[in-house]
Amino acid sequence: MADRIETATTQTTNAIAVAGVTSAAWLPSLKSASEVAGMLMPIFGVIWLVVQIVRALAGPAKPPKV
């Protein structure tokens, strides 16, 4: 069990190290993804709020008749 934990820890550490070394290559795409998310999240937030308001006004769901 301890060997599996040590292996997982080593693999995680190696993945983080590789991501850190190569971050300059994927930083521009990460920035553009962040900009897109920044534009879309308010829209999704409003949609989710409307869904919750409609759901609250509709009342609890009725169980199906069997």
C-alpha atoms as a PDB file:
ATOM      1  CA  MET A   1       0.000   0.000   0.000  1.00  0.00           C
ATOM      2  CA  ALA A   2       2.789   2.428   0.904  1.00  0.00           C
ATOM      3  CA  ASP A   3       4.501   1.642  -2.404  1.00  0.00           C
ATOM      4  CA  ARG A   4       1.351   2.610  -4.327  1.00  0.00           C
ATOM      5  CA  ILE A   5       1.104   5.899  -2.430  1.00  0.00           C
ATOM      6  CA  GLU A   6       4.763   6.658  -3.081  1.00  0.00           C
ATOM      7  CA  THR A   7       4.317   5.889  -6.786  1.00  0.00           C
ATOM      8  CA  ALA A   8       1.232   8.109  -7.010  1.00  0.00           C
ATOM      9  CA  THR A   9       3.048  10.911  -5.199  1.00  0.00           C
ATOM     10  CA  THR A  10       6.044  10.633  -7.525  1.00  0.00           C
ATOM     11  CA  GLN A  11       3.829  10.650 -10.624  1.00  0.00           C
ATOM     12  CA  THR A  12       1.906  13.679  -9.358  1.00  0.00           C
ATOM     13  CA  THR A  13       5.114  15.538  -8.555  1.00  0.00           C
ATOM     14  CA  ASN A  14       6.530  14.738 -11.997  1.00  0.00           C
ATOM     15  CA  ALA A  15       3.341  15.911 -13.728  1.00  0.00           C
ATOM     16  CA  ILE A  16       3.391  19.203 -11.826  1.00  0.00           C
ATOM     17  CA  ALA A  17       7.068  19.709 -12.631  1.00  0.00           C
ATOM     18  CA  VAL A  18       6.480  19.089 -16.348  1.00  0.00           C
ATOM     19  CA  ALA A  19       3.490  21.461 -16.327  1.00  0.00           C
ATOM     20  CA  GLY A  20       5.625  24.126 -14.669  1.00  0.00           C
ATOM     21  CA  VAL A  21       8.448  23.765 -17.171  1.00  0.00           C
ATOM     22  CA  THR A  22       6.109  23.827 -20.176  1.00  0.00           C
ATOM     23  CA  SER A  23       3.780  26.534 -18.843  1.00  0.00           C
ATOM     24  CA  ALA A  24       5.185  29.130 -21.219  1.00  0.00           C
ATOM     25  CA  ALA A  25       3.896  27.050 -24.144  1.00  0.00           C
ATOM     26  CA  TRP A  26       0.293  26.722 -22.919  1.00  0.00           C
ATOM     27  CA  LEU A  27      -0.057  30.038 -21.093  1.00  0.00           C
ATOM     28  CA  PRO A  28      -1.551  31.932 -24.086  1.00  0.00           C
ATOM     29  CA  SER A  29      -4.244  29.283 -24.621  1.00  0.00           C
ATOM     30  CA  LEU A  30      -4.988  29.271 -20.901  1.00  0.00           C
ATOM     31  CA  LYS A  31      -5.358  33.045 -20.997  1.00  0.00           C
ATOM     32  CA  SER A  32      -7.778  32.909 -23.926  1.00  0.00           C
ATOM     33  CA  ALA A  33      -9.794  30.162 -22.241  1.00  0.00           C
ATOM     34  CA  SER A  34      -9.984  32.327 -19.135  1.00  0.00           C
ATOM     35  CA  GLU A  35     -11.228  35.281 -21.176  1.00  0.00           C
ATOM     36  CA  VAL A  36     -13.932  33.152 -22.793  1.00  0.00           C
ATOM     37  CA  ALA A  37     -14.989  31.797 -19.407  1.00  0.00           C
ATOM     38  CA  GLY A  38     -15.063  35.331 -18.036  1.00  0.00           C
ATOM     39  CA  MET A  39     -17.483  36.368 -20.773  1.00  0.00           C
ATOM     40  CA  LEU A  40     -19.716  33.285 -20.535  1.00  0.00           C
ATOM     41  CA  MET A  41     -20.032  32.868 -16.767  1.00  0.00           C
ATOM     42  CA  PRO A  42     -22.315  35.900 -16.196  1.00  0.00           C
ATOM     43  CA  ILE A  43     -24.618  34.630 -18.944  1.00  0.00           C
ATOM     44  CA  PHE A  44     -24.700  31.137 -17.438  1.00  0.00           C
ATOM     45  CA  GLY A  45     -25.280  32.679 -14.004  1.00  0.00           C
ATOM     46  CA  VAL A  46     -28.338  34.583 -15.210  1.00  0.00           C
ATOM     47  CA  ILE A  47     -29.711  31.478 -16.942  1.00  0.00           C
ATOM     48  CA  TRP A  48     -29.212  29.414 -13.785  1.00  0.00           C
ATOM     49  CA  LEU A  49     -30.883  32.097 -11.670  1.00  0.00           C
ATOM     50  CA  VAL A  50     -33.909  32.167 -14.005  1.00  0.00           C
ATOM     51  CA  VAL A  51     -34.149  28.371 -13.877  1.00  0.00           C
ATOM     52  CA  GLN A  52     -34.101  28.430 -10.079  1.00  0.00           C
ATOM     53  CA  ILE A  53     -36.735  31.195  -9.896  1.00  0.00           C
ATOM     54  CA  VAL A  54     -39.047  29.340 -12.301  1.00  0.00           C
ATOM     55  CA  ARG A  55     -38.534  26.125 -10.355  1.00  0.00           C
ATOM     56  CA  ALA A  56     -39.314  27.859  -7.059  1.00  0.00           C
ATOM     57  CA  LEU A  57     -42.455  29.495  -8.465  1.00  0.00           C
ATOM     58  CA  ALA A  58     -43.693  26.230 -10.011  1.00  0.00           C
ATOM     59  CA  GLY A  59     -43.697  24.539  -6.615  1.00  0.00           C
ATOM     60  CA  PRO A  60     -42.539  21.083  -5.691  1.00  0.00           C
ATOM     61  CA  ALA A  61     -42.692  18.355  -8.319  1.00  0.00           C
ATOM     62  CA  LYS A  62     -45.640  16.006  -7.978  1.00  0.00           C
ATOM     63  CA  PRO A  63     -44.867  12.315  -7.765  1.00  0.00           C
ATOM     64  CA  PRO A  64     -45.994  10.312 -10.796  1.00  0.00           C
ATOM     65  CA  LYS A  65     -49.211   8.329 -10.431  1.00  0.00           C
ATOM     66  CA  VAL A  66     -48.763   4.627 -10.648  1.00  0.00           C
END
